[in-house]
Every structure is written in C-alpha cells, then in structure tokens.
C-alpha cells in the first residue's frame, strides 16, 4: 500500500490585517507546531467506583499553543512583536499543501517572541501563539466559512 503523506513544503501561515481587510502571509516560516489541543478531565472517583479504578469525566478543552519557527525577517518579526505588545486578540490561519487545502484557523495572543543567533548560524525567531477559543479545521476546497474578523464571510485563497 502506498502512502498518502504530503510534504510540509508549501505550508503557509497567514495573519489577518485589520487595516487592509486581507490576509498577510508571514514569510520565512521554517516550521509550524500545533495547535497543541488538550482536554482536561475531572476526577469523579467515589468510594463505590467499580473495581477500585479512578473515574473521570471530560472537562474543558484548550486550543493550546501554536509555535512558529522562522528565519528572522524584519517584516514578520515586526508583525509578531507588535502582536506580542498588544492586548488585542489576532486571527491566524495555517494552510497545508494537501489537495484539499486543509486549513486551521484560530484566534490568539503572541505570548513568546524570542530572537536567537549564534556564530556561524542564522538569526531566527520562535514565536508562540496561545490559542483562545476553538481552532477551526476545514477543507479549503469546500468553500466553507472561515474565521470572520470583518462580520462577513470570506474564503482563503492561498
């Protein structure tokens, strides 16, 4: 059986630009990790729980974080650093290069924005975005609605 895996090459990361009313591609992203969704559990074990096993019920879900590793460019760093300095929730979108243009869209806050460099290496930035609310995963070819920061439906066209 042959694999249906896809290469990550061609994955795009966008940020909604309120000023222009359009998505801005974030350049020189070298890796995307996340969103790291998790779900809490609530322990409900009682003295009469069957077999002496702990019992749990589902608790709140968390959107987690999205980590963006990138080659330093002043434009992308300025955008992410401004988001870090701001208390305003921002809209982000990751579009994968699969045939369906699978898209993950989320709102969040930049919570880490460190730079790093070393002798003989490039200058890089590793940004962490804390997701607030539910990340939306959809099939880009379906024309389904996406995060709607302007109050009207729009569709990603990478």
N, C-alpha and C. Protein backbone atom coordinates (compact mmCIF):
# COMPACT_ATOMS: atom_id res chain seq x y z
N UNK A 1 0.84 -1.17 0.00
CA UNK A 1 0.00 0.00 0.00
C UNK A 1 0.89 1.24 0.00
N UNK A 2 0.62 2.18 -0.87
CA UNK A 2 1.43 3.39 -0.93
C UNK A 2 0.90 4.44 0.05
N UNK A 3 1.80 5.30 0.49
CA UNK A 3 1.46 6.33 1.48
C UNK A 3 0.72 7.50 0.84
N UNK A 4 -0.14 8.10 1.61
CA UNK A 4 -0.83 9.33 1.20
C UNK A 4 -0.25 10.54 1.90
N UNK A 5 0.93 10.40 2.51
CA UNK A 5 1.56 11.50 3.23
C UNK A 5 1.88 12.64 2.26
N UNK A 6 1.93 13.84 2.79
CA UNK A 6 2.29 15.01 1.99
C UNK A 6 3.50 15.69 2.60
N UNK A 7 4.21 16.42 1.80
CA UNK A 7 5.34 17.20 2.28
C UNK A 7 4.82 18.48 2.94
N UNK A 8 5.53 18.93 3.95
CA UNK A 8 5.17 20.19 4.59
C UNK A 8 5.55 21.40 3.76
N UNK A 9 6.41 21.19 2.75
CA UNK A 9 6.83 22.29 1.89
C UNK A 9 5.62 22.90 1.22
N UNK A 10 5.49 24.19 1.29
CA UNK A 10 4.34 24.88 0.71
C UNK A 10 3.29 25.27 1.73
N UNK A 11 3.46 24.83 2.99
CA UNK A 11 2.54 25.26 4.05
C UNK A 11 2.68 26.76 4.23
N UNK A 12 1.57 27.44 4.38
CA UNK A 12 1.57 28.90 4.54
C UNK A 12 0.93 29.28 5.87
N UNK A 13 1.46 30.34 6.47
CA UNK A 13 0.90 30.90 7.69
C UNK A 13 0.48 32.34 7.40
N UNK A 14 -0.77 32.66 7.72
CA UNK A 14 -1.31 33.99 7.47
C UNK A 14 -1.75 34.65 8.77
N UNK A 15 -1.80 35.98 8.75
CA UNK A 15 -2.35 36.77 9.85
C UNK A 15 -3.30 37.77 9.23
N UNK A 16 -4.47 37.92 9.85
CA UNK A 16 -5.47 38.85 9.34
C UNK A 16 -5.00 40.27 9.62
N UNK A 17 -5.02 41.12 8.59
CA UNK A 17 -4.64 42.51 8.72
C UNK A 17 -5.90 43.35 8.76
N UNK A 18 -6.23 43.86 9.94
CA UNK A 18 -7.46 44.64 10.11
C UNK A 18 -7.42 45.89 9.23
N UNK A 19 -6.24 46.50 9.11
CA UNK A 19 -6.10 47.73 8.33
C UNK A 19 -6.43 47.58 6.87
N UNK A 20 -5.98 46.47 6.26
CA UNK A 20 -6.22 46.27 4.82
C UNK A 20 -7.42 45.38 4.55
N UNK A 21 -7.91 44.69 5.58
CA UNK A 21 -9.03 43.77 5.38
C UNK A 21 -8.65 42.56 4.55
N UNK A 22 -7.39 42.11 4.70
CA UNK A 22 -6.91 40.97 3.92
C UNK A 22 -5.95 40.15 4.76
N UNK A 23 -5.68 38.93 4.30
CA UNK A 23 -4.70 38.07 4.94
C UNK A 23 -3.31 38.45 4.47
N UNK A 24 -2.36 38.56 5.39
CA UNK A 24 -0.96 38.77 5.08
C UNK A 24 -0.20 37.48 5.33
N UNK A 25 0.54 37.01 4.32
CA UNK A 25 1.35 35.82 4.52
C UNK A 25 2.54 36.20 5.40
N UNK A 26 2.88 35.34 6.32
CA UNK A 26 4.04 35.54 7.19
C UNK A 26 5.20 34.80 6.54
N UNK A 27 6.25 35.54 6.17
CA UNK A 27 7.32 34.96 5.37
C UNK A 27 8.38 34.26 6.20
N UNK A 28 9.09 33.37 5.53
CA UNK A 28 10.26 32.67 6.07
C UNK A 28 9.95 31.77 7.27
N UNK A 29 8.74 31.24 7.35
CA UNK A 29 8.40 30.27 8.40
C UNK A 29 9.09 28.96 8.05
N UNK A 30 9.81 28.39 9.01
CA UNK A 30 10.53 27.13 8.75
C UNK A 30 9.83 25.93 9.36
N UNK A 31 8.98 26.16 10.37
CA UNK A 31 8.18 25.05 10.91
C UNK A 31 7.00 25.60 11.68
N UNK A 32 5.95 24.80 11.71
CA UNK A 32 4.73 25.11 12.45
C UNK A 32 4.45 23.92 13.36
N UNK A 33 4.23 24.18 14.62
CA UNK A 33 3.93 23.12 15.58
C UNK A 33 2.64 23.49 16.30
N UNK A 34 1.60 22.71 16.07
CA UNK A 34 0.35 22.99 16.76
C UNK A 34 -0.76 23.30 15.78
N UNK A 35 -1.92 23.60 16.29
CA UNK A 35 -2.22 23.85 17.70
C UNK A 35 -2.15 22.57 18.53
N UNK A 36 -1.63 22.73 19.73
CA UNK A 36 -1.47 21.62 20.68
C UNK A 36 -2.73 21.53 21.55
N UNK A 37 -3.80 21.06 20.97
CA UNK A 37 -5.06 20.98 21.72
C UNK A 37 -4.96 19.96 22.85
N UNK A 38 -5.58 20.29 23.96
CA UNK A 38 -5.65 19.37 25.10
C UNK A 38 -7.06 19.41 25.69
N UNK A 39 -7.34 18.42 26.50
CA UNK A 39 -8.63 18.37 27.18
C UNK A 39 -8.40 17.97 28.62
N UNK A 40 -8.94 18.75 29.53
CA UNK A 40 -8.85 18.43 30.95
C UNK A 40 -9.84 17.33 31.29
N UNK A 41 -9.58 16.66 32.39
CA UNK A 41 -10.54 15.70 32.92
C UNK A 41 -10.86 16.10 34.35
N UNK A 42 -12.03 15.70 34.77
CA UNK A 42 -12.49 15.97 36.14
C UNK A 42 -12.59 14.63 36.84
N UNK A 43 -11.87 14.50 37.91
CA UNK A 43 -11.83 13.25 38.67
C UNK A 43 -13.12 13.12 39.47
N UNK A 44 -13.84 11.99 39.31
CA UNK A 44 -15.13 11.78 39.97
C UNK A 44 -15.18 10.44 40.71
N UNK A 45 -14.02 9.90 41.06
CA UNK A 45 -13.97 8.62 41.76
C UNK A 45 -14.71 8.71 43.09
N UNK A 46 -15.48 7.67 43.36
CA UNK A 46 -16.22 7.60 44.63
C UNK A 46 -15.83 6.31 45.35
N UNK A 47 -16.21 6.22 46.59
CA UNK A 47 -15.89 5.03 47.38
C UNK A 47 -16.46 3.76 46.77
N UNK A 48 -17.53 3.91 45.99
CA UNK A 48 -18.13 2.73 45.38
C UNK A 48 -17.81 2.60 43.88
N UNK A 49 -16.76 3.28 43.41
CA UNK A 49 -16.35 3.15 42.00
C UNK A 49 -15.95 1.70 41.74
N UNK A 50 -16.43 1.17 40.62
CA UNK A 50 -16.26 -0.25 40.31
C UNK A 50 -14.80 -0.64 40.13
N UNK A 51 -14.40 -1.71 40.79
CA UNK A 51 -13.09 -2.32 40.63
C UNK A 51 -11.94 -1.52 41.21
N UNK A 52 -12.21 -0.46 41.95
CA UNK A 52 -11.15 0.34 42.53
C UNK A 52 -10.41 1.21 41.52
N UNK A 53 -11.04 1.45 40.38
CA UNK A 53 -10.41 2.28 39.34
C UNK A 53 -10.89 3.73 39.45
N UNK A 54 -9.97 4.63 39.17
CA UNK A 54 -10.31 6.04 39.12
C UNK A 54 -11.30 6.27 37.98
N UNK A 55 -12.24 7.17 38.20
CA UNK A 55 -13.20 7.55 37.17
C UNK A 55 -13.04 9.03 36.87
N UNK A 56 -13.18 9.36 35.60
CA UNK A 56 -13.10 10.75 35.18
C UNK A 56 -14.21 11.06 34.19
N UNK A 57 -14.54 12.34 34.10
CA UNK A 57 -15.46 12.83 33.07
C UNK A 57 -14.72 13.95 32.32
N UNK A 58 -15.16 14.22 31.09
CA UNK A 58 -14.46 15.25 30.32
C UNK A 58 -14.65 16.64 30.93
N UNK A 59 -13.57 17.44 30.85
CA UNK A 59 -13.60 18.82 31.30
C UNK A 59 -13.43 19.76 30.11
N UNK A 60 -12.92 20.93 30.39
CA UNK A 60 -12.73 21.94 29.35
C UNK A 60 -11.64 21.56 28.36
N UNK A 61 -11.85 21.96 27.12
CA UNK A 61 -10.84 21.79 26.09
C UNK A 61 -10.02 23.09 26.02
N UNK A 62 -8.76 22.97 25.62
CA UNK A 62 -7.92 24.14 25.39
C UNK A 62 -7.39 24.08 23.97
N UNK A 63 -7.37 25.23 23.32
CA UNK A 63 -6.83 25.30 21.97
C UNK A 63 -5.32 25.12 21.94
N UNK A 64 -4.67 25.34 23.09
CA UNK A 64 -3.24 25.13 23.20
C UNK A 64 -2.43 26.26 22.60
N UNK A 65 -1.27 25.91 22.10
CA UNK A 65 -0.38 26.90 21.51
C UNK A 65 0.00 26.48 20.09
N UNK A 66 0.41 27.47 19.32
CA UNK A 66 0.98 27.25 18.00
C UNK A 66 2.38 27.86 18.05
N UNK A 67 3.38 27.06 17.72
CA UNK A 67 4.76 27.54 17.69
C UNK A 67 5.19 27.73 16.24
N UNK A 68 5.69 28.91 15.95
CA UNK A 68 6.20 29.23 14.62
C UNK A 68 7.70 29.47 14.71
N UNK A 69 8.48 28.64 14.05
CA UNK A 69 9.91 28.88 13.94
C UNK A 69 10.13 29.58 12.61
N UNK A 70 10.98 30.59 12.61
CA UNK A 70 11.16 31.36 11.39
C UNK A 70 12.56 31.93 11.26
N UNK A 71 12.97 32.09 10.01
CA UNK A 71 14.16 32.87 9.73
C UNK A 71 13.80 34.32 10.04
N UNK A 72 14.71 35.03 10.67
CA UNK A 72 14.43 36.42 11.00
C UNK A 72 14.30 37.25 9.73
N UNK A 73 13.16 37.88 9.59
CA UNK A 73 12.97 38.97 8.63
C UNK A 73 12.33 40.09 9.41
N UNK A 74 12.71 41.30 9.12
CA UNK A 74 12.22 42.42 9.92
C UNK A 74 10.70 42.55 9.82
N UNK A 75 10.13 42.33 8.65
CA UNK A 75 8.69 42.48 8.49
C UNK A 75 7.89 41.52 9.35
N UNK A 76 8.19 40.22 9.24
CA UNK A 76 7.45 39.24 10.03
C UNK A 76 7.71 39.43 11.52
N UNK A 77 8.97 39.70 11.88
CA UNK A 77 9.27 39.92 13.30
C UNK A 77 8.51 41.14 13.81
N UNK A 78 8.46 42.23 13.04
CA UNK A 78 7.73 43.42 13.48
C UNK A 78 6.25 43.11 13.73
N UNK A 79 5.66 42.32 12.83
CA UNK A 79 4.25 41.94 13.00
C UNK A 79 4.06 41.13 14.28
N UNK A 80 4.87 40.10 14.47
CA UNK A 80 4.73 39.24 15.65
C UNK A 80 5.06 40.00 16.93
N UNK A 81 6.06 40.87 16.88
CA UNK A 81 6.42 41.66 18.06
C UNK A 81 5.30 42.64 18.40
N UNK A 82 4.68 43.25 17.40
CA UNK A 82 3.53 44.13 17.66
C UNK A 82 2.38 43.35 18.28
N UNK A 83 2.15 42.12 17.81
CA UNK A 83 1.11 41.29 18.40
C UNK A 83 1.46 40.95 19.85
N UNK A 84 2.73 40.71 20.13
CA UNK A 84 3.16 40.44 21.50
C UNK A 84 2.89 41.65 22.40
N UNK A 85 3.16 42.83 21.91
CA UNK A 85 2.99 44.06 22.70
C UNK A 85 1.53 44.46 22.85
N UNK A 86 0.66 43.91 22.03
CA UNK A 86 -0.75 44.27 22.02
C UNK A 86 -1.56 43.34 22.93
N UNK A 87 -2.65 43.86 23.46
CA UNK A 87 -3.60 43.05 24.22
C UNK A 87 -4.82 42.68 23.38
N UNK A 88 -4.73 42.89 22.07
CA UNK A 88 -5.83 42.61 21.16
C UNK A 88 -5.65 41.22 20.55
N UNK A 89 -6.69 40.43 20.61
CA UNK A 89 -6.70 39.09 20.02
C UNK A 89 -6.55 39.22 18.50
N UNK A 90 -5.71 38.36 17.91
CA UNK A 90 -5.47 38.38 16.47
C UNK A 90 -5.97 37.09 15.83
N UNK A 91 -6.20 37.14 14.53
CA UNK A 91 -6.65 35.98 13.76
C UNK A 91 -5.50 35.45 12.91
N UNK A 92 -5.29 34.13 12.97
CA UNK A 92 -4.22 33.47 12.24
C UNK A 92 -4.79 32.30 11.46
N UNK A 93 -4.07 31.89 10.42
CA UNK A 93 -4.54 30.81 9.56
C UNK A 93 -3.33 30.03 9.03
N UNK A 94 -3.39 28.73 9.09
CA UNK A 94 -2.37 27.86 8.52
C UNK A 94 -3.03 27.07 7.40
N UNK A 95 -2.44 27.11 6.22
CA UNK A 95 -2.98 26.38 5.07
C UNK A 95 -1.95 25.34 4.65
N UNK A 96 -2.36 24.09 4.65
CA UNK A 96 -1.48 22.98 4.29
C UNK A 96 -1.56 22.71 2.79
N UNK A 97 -0.48 22.19 2.20
CA UNK A 97 -0.44 21.99 0.75
C UNK A 97 -1.04 20.67 0.27
N UNK A 98 -2.01 20.15 1.00
CA UNK A 98 -2.66 18.91 0.55
C UNK A 98 -3.67 19.25 -0.54
N UNK A 99 -4.18 18.27 -1.25
CA UNK A 99 -5.12 18.54 -2.35
C UNK A 99 -6.39 19.27 -1.90
N UNK A 100 -6.77 19.13 -0.64
CA UNK A 100 -7.99 19.78 -0.16
C UNK A 100 -7.72 21.15 0.48
N UNK A 101 -6.45 21.58 0.50
CA UNK A 101 -6.07 22.84 1.15
C UNK A 101 -6.62 22.89 2.58
N UNK A 102 -6.32 21.86 3.35
CA UNK A 102 -6.76 21.82 4.74
C UNK A 102 -6.26 23.07 5.45
N UNK A 103 -7.16 23.70 6.18
CA UNK A 103 -6.87 24.97 6.83
C UNK A 103 -7.18 24.87 8.32
N UNK A 104 -6.27 25.41 9.13
CA UNK A 104 -6.50 25.54 10.57
C UNK A 104 -6.51 27.03 10.86
N UNK A 105 -7.62 27.50 11.39
CA UNK A 105 -7.75 28.92 11.69
C UNK A 105 -8.02 29.08 13.18
N UNK A 106 -7.47 30.13 13.75
CA UNK A 106 -7.60 30.32 15.19
C UNK A 106 -7.37 31.77 15.55
N UNK A 107 -7.87 32.13 16.72
CA UNK A 107 -7.60 33.43 17.31
C UNK A 107 -6.63 33.23 18.45
N UNK A 108 -5.79 34.21 18.71
CA UNK A 108 -4.85 34.03 19.80
C UNK A 108 -4.03 35.27 20.10
N UNK A 109 -3.14 35.08 21.04
CA UNK A 109 -2.23 36.12 21.52
C UNK A 109 -0.80 35.60 21.42
N UNK A 110 0.11 36.43 20.90
CA UNK A 110 1.52 36.07 20.91
C UNK A 110 2.00 36.16 22.35
N UNK A 111 2.50 35.05 22.89
CA UNK A 111 2.94 35.01 24.30
C UNK A 111 4.45 34.86 24.44
N UNK A 112 5.12 34.52 23.35
CA UNK A 112 6.59 34.46 23.34
C UNK A 112 7.06 34.95 21.99
N UNK A 113 8.16 35.74 22.01
CA UNK A 113 8.68 36.30 20.77
C UNK A 113 10.20 36.44 20.85
N UNK A 114 10.92 35.35 21.16
CA UNK A 114 12.37 35.45 21.33
C UNK A 114 13.13 35.40 20.01
N UNK A 115 14.25 36.10 19.99
CA UNK A 115 15.21 36.02 18.89
C UNK A 115 16.36 35.14 19.33
N UNK A 116 17.03 34.53 18.35
CA UNK A 116 18.19 33.72 18.70
C UNK A 116 19.20 33.77 17.56
N UNK A 117 20.47 33.80 17.94
CA UNK A 117 21.54 33.78 16.96
C UNK A 117 22.79 33.18 17.59
N UNK A 118 23.64 32.67 16.75
CA UNK A 118 24.92 32.10 17.21
C UNK A 118 25.94 32.27 16.10
N UNK A 119 27.20 32.23 16.47
CA UNK A 119 28.28 32.31 15.49
C UNK A 119 28.08 31.21 14.46
N UNK A 120 28.14 31.57 13.21
CA UNK A 120 28.02 30.57 12.15
C UNK A 120 26.61 30.10 11.89
N UNK A 121 25.60 30.78 12.45
CA UNK A 121 24.21 30.36 12.24
C UNK A 121 23.37 31.57 11.86
N UNK A 122 22.17 31.33 11.42
CA UNK A 122 21.25 32.38 11.03
C UNK A 122 20.61 33.01 12.28
N UNK A 123 20.03 34.17 12.11
CA UNK A 123 19.20 34.77 13.14
C UNK A 123 17.80 34.20 12.95
N UNK A 124 17.21 33.73 14.04
CA UNK A 124 15.88 33.13 13.95
C UNK A 124 14.98 33.66 15.06
N UNK A 125 13.71 33.43 14.89
CA UNK A 125 12.71 33.78 15.90
C UNK A 125 11.82 32.56 16.08
N UNK A 126 11.38 32.35 17.30
CA UNK A 126 10.49 31.22 17.62
C UNK A 126 9.30 31.77 18.39
N UNK A 127 8.24 32.04 17.68
CA UNK A 127 7.06 32.69 18.23
C UNK A 127 6.08 31.65 18.75
N UNK A 128 5.50 31.92 19.92
CA UNK A 128 4.43 31.07 20.45
C UNK A 128 3.15 31.88 20.52
N UNK A 129 2.09 31.31 19.97
CA UNK A 129 0.77 31.95 19.99
C UNK A 129 -0.15 31.09 20.84
N UNK A 130 -0.72 31.68 21.89
CA UNK A 130 -1.70 30.99 22.74
C UNK A 130 -3.06 31.12 22.07
N UNK A 131 -3.66 29.98 21.74
CA UNK A 131 -4.96 29.95 21.08
C UNK A 131 -6.03 30.25 22.12
N UNK A 132 -6.97 31.11 21.75
CA UNK A 132 -8.13 31.34 22.59
C UNK A 132 -9.37 30.88 21.83
N UNK A 133 -10.18 30.09 22.45
CA UNK A 133 -11.35 29.53 21.77
C UNK A 133 -11.00 28.28 20.99
N UNK A 134 -11.88 27.92 20.10
CA UNK A 134 -11.76 26.67 19.34
C UNK A 134 -11.05 26.89 18.01
N UNK A 135 -9.95 26.17 17.75
CA UNK A 135 -9.36 26.22 16.41
C UNK A 135 -10.32 25.56 15.42
N UNK A 136 -10.43 26.15 14.24
CA UNK A 136 -11.32 25.63 13.21
C UNK A 136 -10.49 24.92 12.16
N UNK A 137 -10.83 23.66 11.89
CA UNK A 137 -10.17 22.90 10.84
C UNK A 137 -11.21 22.66 9.76
N UNK A 138 -10.89 23.02 8.53
CA UNK A 138 -11.86 22.78 7.47
C UNK A 138 -11.16 22.47 6.16
N UNK A 139 -11.92 21.98 5.23
CA UNK A 139 -11.47 21.62 3.90
C UNK A 139 -11.56 22.87 3.04
N UNK A 140 -10.42 23.41 2.63
CA UNK A 140 -10.39 24.65 1.86
C UNK A 140 -11.13 24.59 0.55
N UNK A 141 -11.19 23.42 -0.08
CA UNK A 141 -11.90 23.30 -1.34
C UNK A 141 -13.41 23.32 -1.17
N UNK A 142 -13.90 23.12 0.05
CA UNK A 142 -15.34 23.07 0.25
C UNK A 142 -15.96 24.45 0.21
N UNK A 143 -15.11 25.49 0.31
CA UNK A 143 -15.66 26.85 0.34
C UNK A 143 -16.35 27.15 1.64
N UNK A 144 -16.08 26.35 2.68
CA UNK A 144 -16.72 26.57 3.97
C UNK A 144 -16.30 27.88 4.59
N UNK A 145 -17.14 28.44 5.44
CA UNK A 145 -16.79 29.71 6.08
C UNK A 145 -15.58 29.55 6.99
N UNK A 146 -14.85 30.61 7.14
CA UNK A 146 -13.67 30.63 7.97
C UNK A 146 -13.85 31.69 9.04
N UNK A 147 -12.84 31.89 9.89
CA UNK A 147 -12.92 32.95 10.89
C UNK A 147 -13.32 34.23 10.19
N UNK A 148 -14.20 34.96 10.79
CA UNK A 148 -14.82 36.09 10.14
C UNK A 148 -14.54 37.38 10.90
N UNK A 149 -13.32 37.93 10.78
CA UNK A 149 -12.98 39.10 11.57
C UNK A 149 -13.69 40.37 11.14
N UNK A 150 -14.32 40.40 9.97
CA UNK A 150 -14.95 41.62 9.48
C UNK A 150 -16.47 41.61 9.59
N UNK A 151 -17.05 40.49 9.94
CA UNK A 151 -18.51 40.42 10.03
C UNK A 151 -19.15 39.88 8.77
N UNK A 152 -18.36 39.54 7.75
CA UNK A 152 -18.89 38.93 6.53
C UNK A 152 -18.08 37.68 6.23
N UNK A 153 -18.68 36.75 5.53
CA UNK A 153 -17.95 35.52 5.19
C UNK A 153 -16.86 35.83 4.18
N UNK A 154 -15.75 35.12 4.28
CA UNK A 154 -14.67 35.19 3.30
C UNK A 154 -14.04 33.82 3.22
N UNK A 155 -13.26 33.59 2.19
CA UNK A 155 -12.64 32.30 1.98
C UNK A 155 -11.17 32.48 1.69
N UNK A 156 -10.37 31.55 2.17
CA UNK A 156 -8.92 31.61 1.95
C UNK A 156 -8.61 31.21 0.52
N UNK A 157 -7.83 32.00 -0.16
CA UNK A 157 -7.35 31.64 -1.50
C UNK A 157 -5.84 31.83 -1.50
N UNK A 158 -5.11 30.81 -1.04
CA UNK A 158 -3.66 30.95 -0.93
C UNK A 158 -2.99 31.10 -2.29
